[in-house]
C-alpha atoms as a PDB file:
ATOM      1  CA  MET A   1       3.340   0.925  13.041  1.00  0.00           C
ATOM      2  CA  ALA A   2       6.280   3.231  12.637  1.00  0.00           C
ATOM      3  CA  GLU A   3       4.114   5.880  10.976  1.00  0.00           C
ATOM      4  CA  ASP A   4       1.535   5.806  13.790  1.00  0.00           C
ATOM      5  CA  LEU A   5      -1.314   5.453  11.314  1.00  0.00           C
ATOM      6  CA  THR A   6      -4.802   5.159  12.734  1.00  0.00           C
ATOM      7  CA  PHE A   7      -7.465   2.737  11.541  1.00  0.00           C
ATOM      8  CA  ALA A   8      -9.495   5.762  10.437  1.00  0.00           C
ATOM      9  CA  GLN A   9      -6.626   6.973   8.219  1.00  0.00           C
ATOM     10  CA  ILE A  10      -6.133   3.515   6.726  1.00  0.00           C
ATOM     11  CA  ARG A  11      -9.867   3.184   6.065  1.00  0.00           C
ATOM     12  CA  GLN A  12     -10.035   6.600   4.398  1.00  0.00           C
ATOM     13  CA  ALA A  13      -7.037   5.751   2.201  1.00  0.00           C
ATOM     14  CA  LEU A  14      -8.507   2.379   1.180  1.00  0.00           C
ATOM     15  CA  LEU A  15     -11.856   3.925   0.285  1.00  0.00           C
ATOM     16  CA  ASN A  16     -10.202   6.172  -2.311  1.00  0.00           C
ATOM     17  CA  ALA A  17      -7.317   3.898  -3.320  1.00  0.00           C
ATOM     18  CA  GLU A  18      -5.952   3.371  -6.806  1.00  0.00           C
ATOM     19  CA  LEU A  19      -4.135   0.277  -7.997  1.00  0.00           C
ATOM     20  CA  LEU A  20      -0.388   0.823  -8.463  1.00  0.00           C
ATOM     21  CA  GLU A  21       1.047  -2.665  -8.945  1.00  0.00           C
ATOM     22  CA  GLU A  22      -0.261  -6.204  -9.267  1.00  0.00           C
ATOM     23  CA  TYR A  23       1.797  -9.112  -7.971  1.00  0.00           C
ATOM     24  CA  PRO A  24       1.298 -12.626  -9.343  1.00  0.00           C
ATOM     25  CA  ASP A  25       0.947 -15.609  -7.089  1.00  0.00           C
ATOM     26  CA  THR A  26       4.084 -15.562  -4.940  1.00  0.00           C
ATOM     27  CA  GLY A  27       3.309 -18.768  -3.092  1.00  0.00           C
ATOM     28  CA  ARG A  28       0.731 -17.178  -0.810  1.00  0.00           C
ATOM     29  CA  GLY A  29      -1.664 -16.016  -3.501  1.00  0.00           C
ATOM     30  CA  GLU A  30      -1.992 -12.913  -5.632  1.00  0.00           C
ATOM     31  CA  SER A  31      -1.638  -9.473  -4.101  1.00  0.00           C
ATOM     32  CA  CYS A  32      -1.465  -5.839  -5.147  1.00  0.00           C
ATOM     33  CA  LEU A  33      -0.154  -2.456  -4.046  1.00  0.00           C
ATOM     34  CA  VAL A  34      -2.672   0.362  -3.765  1.00  0.00           C
ATOM     35  CA  LEU A  35      -2.272   4.054  -2.986  1.00  0.00           C
ATOM     36  CA  GLY A  36      -4.841   6.118  -1.173  1.00  0.00           C
ATOM     37  CA  PHE A  37      -4.852   9.345   0.774  1.00  0.00           C
ATOM     38  CA  ALA A  38      -6.013  10.225   4.271  1.00  0.00           C
ATOM     39  CA  ASP A  39      -6.413  13.965   3.879  1.00  0.00           C
ATOM     40  CA  ASP A  40      -3.028  14.848   2.287  1.00  0.00           C
ATOM     41  CA  LEU A  41      -1.140  11.851   3.696  1.00  0.00           C
ATOM     42  CA  PRO A  42      -0.290   9.191   1.081  1.00  0.00           C
ATOM     43  CA  ILE A  43      -0.716   5.619   2.305  1.00  0.00           C
ATOM     44  CA  HIS A  44       0.357   2.432   0.548  1.00  0.00           C
ATOM     45  CA  ALA A  45      -1.341  -0.873   1.312  1.00  0.00           C
ATOM     46  CA  VAL A  46      -0.364  -4.287   0.042  1.00  0.00           C
ATOM     47  CA  CYS A  47      -3.560  -6.322  -0.158  1.00  0.00           C
ATOM     48  CA  GLY A  48      -4.336  -9.916  -0.921  1.00  0.00           C
ATOM     49  CA  ARG A  49      -7.465 -12.000  -1.164  1.00  0.00           C
ATOM     50  CA  ARG A  50      -8.190 -15.031   0.957  1.00  0.00           C
ATOM     51  CA  ARG A  51     -11.384 -16.758  -0.102  1.00  0.00           C
ATOM     52  CA  ASP A  52     -13.967 -13.963  -0.286  1.00  0.00           C
ATOM     53  CA  GLN A  53     -12.136 -11.477   1.968  1.00  0.00           C
ATOM     54  CA  ILE A  54      -9.523  -8.808   1.345  1.00  0.00           C
ATOM     55  CA  VAL A  55      -6.483  -9.106   3.608  1.00  0.00           C
ATOM     56  CA  LEU A  56      -4.144  -6.237   4.454  1.00  0.00           C
ATOM     57  CA  ILE A  57      -0.598  -7.557   4.314  1.00  0.00           C
ATOM     58  CA  THR A  58       1.200  -4.322   5.116  1.00  0.00           C
ATOM     59  CA  VAL A  59       0.388  -0.614   5.319  1.00  0.00           C
ATOM     60  CA  TYR A  60       2.917   2.218   5.253  1.00  0.00           C
ATOM     61  CA  VAL A  61       3.613   5.798   4.207  1.00  0.00           C
ATOM     62  CA  PRO A  62       5.768   5.785   1.030  1.00  0.00           C
ATOM     63  CA  GLN A  63       9.001   7.695   1.622  1.00  0.00           C
ATOM     64  CA  PRO A  64      12.424   8.145   0.011  1.00  0.00           C
ATOM     65  CA  PRO A  65      14.610   6.396  -0.825  1.00  0.00           C
ATOM     66  CA  LYS A  66      12.185   3.575  -1.707  1.00  0.00           C
ATOM     67  CA  PHE A  67       9.716   6.010  -3.323  1.00  0.00           C
ATOM     68  CA  THR A  68      10.477   9.352  -4.961  1.00  0.00           C
ATOM     69  CA  ASN A  69       6.781  10.242  -4.689  1.00  0.00           C
ATOM     70  CA  PRO A  70       3.665   8.245  -3.767  1.00  0.00           C
ATOM     71  CA  TRP A  71       3.379   6.824  -7.316  1.00  0.00           C
ATOM     72  CA  THR A  72       7.042   6.224  -8.268  1.00  0.00           C
ATOM     73  CA  ARG A  73       9.645   3.828  -6.886  1.00  0.00           C
ATOM     74  CA  GLY A  74      13.078   5.297  -6.225  1.00  0.00           C
ATOM     75  CA  THR A  75      16.217   3.951  -7.786  1.00  0.00           C
ATOM     76  CA  SER A  76      18.309   1.456  -5.891  1.00  0.00           C
ATOM     77  CA  SER A  77      21.982   2.220  -5.420  1.00  0.00           C
ATOM     78  CA  ALA A  78      22.796  -1.399  -4.546  1.00  0.00           C
END
């Protein structure tokens, strides 16, 4: 991971995560974006569900220009 996140940081963030966005079935099932914190570090996780298990699709630290803050997407100049 580019952010060098540890499993402990990811776990801590997931344990206190809040739902930011829900994504409908995109061909691989429903998923969602959650935000949690490991100490003061914001961590985003895109999660899905496969049968009775939660699957982590991607985990990253939200940063500009994609995010203006951990809760808000940035504007695209494209």
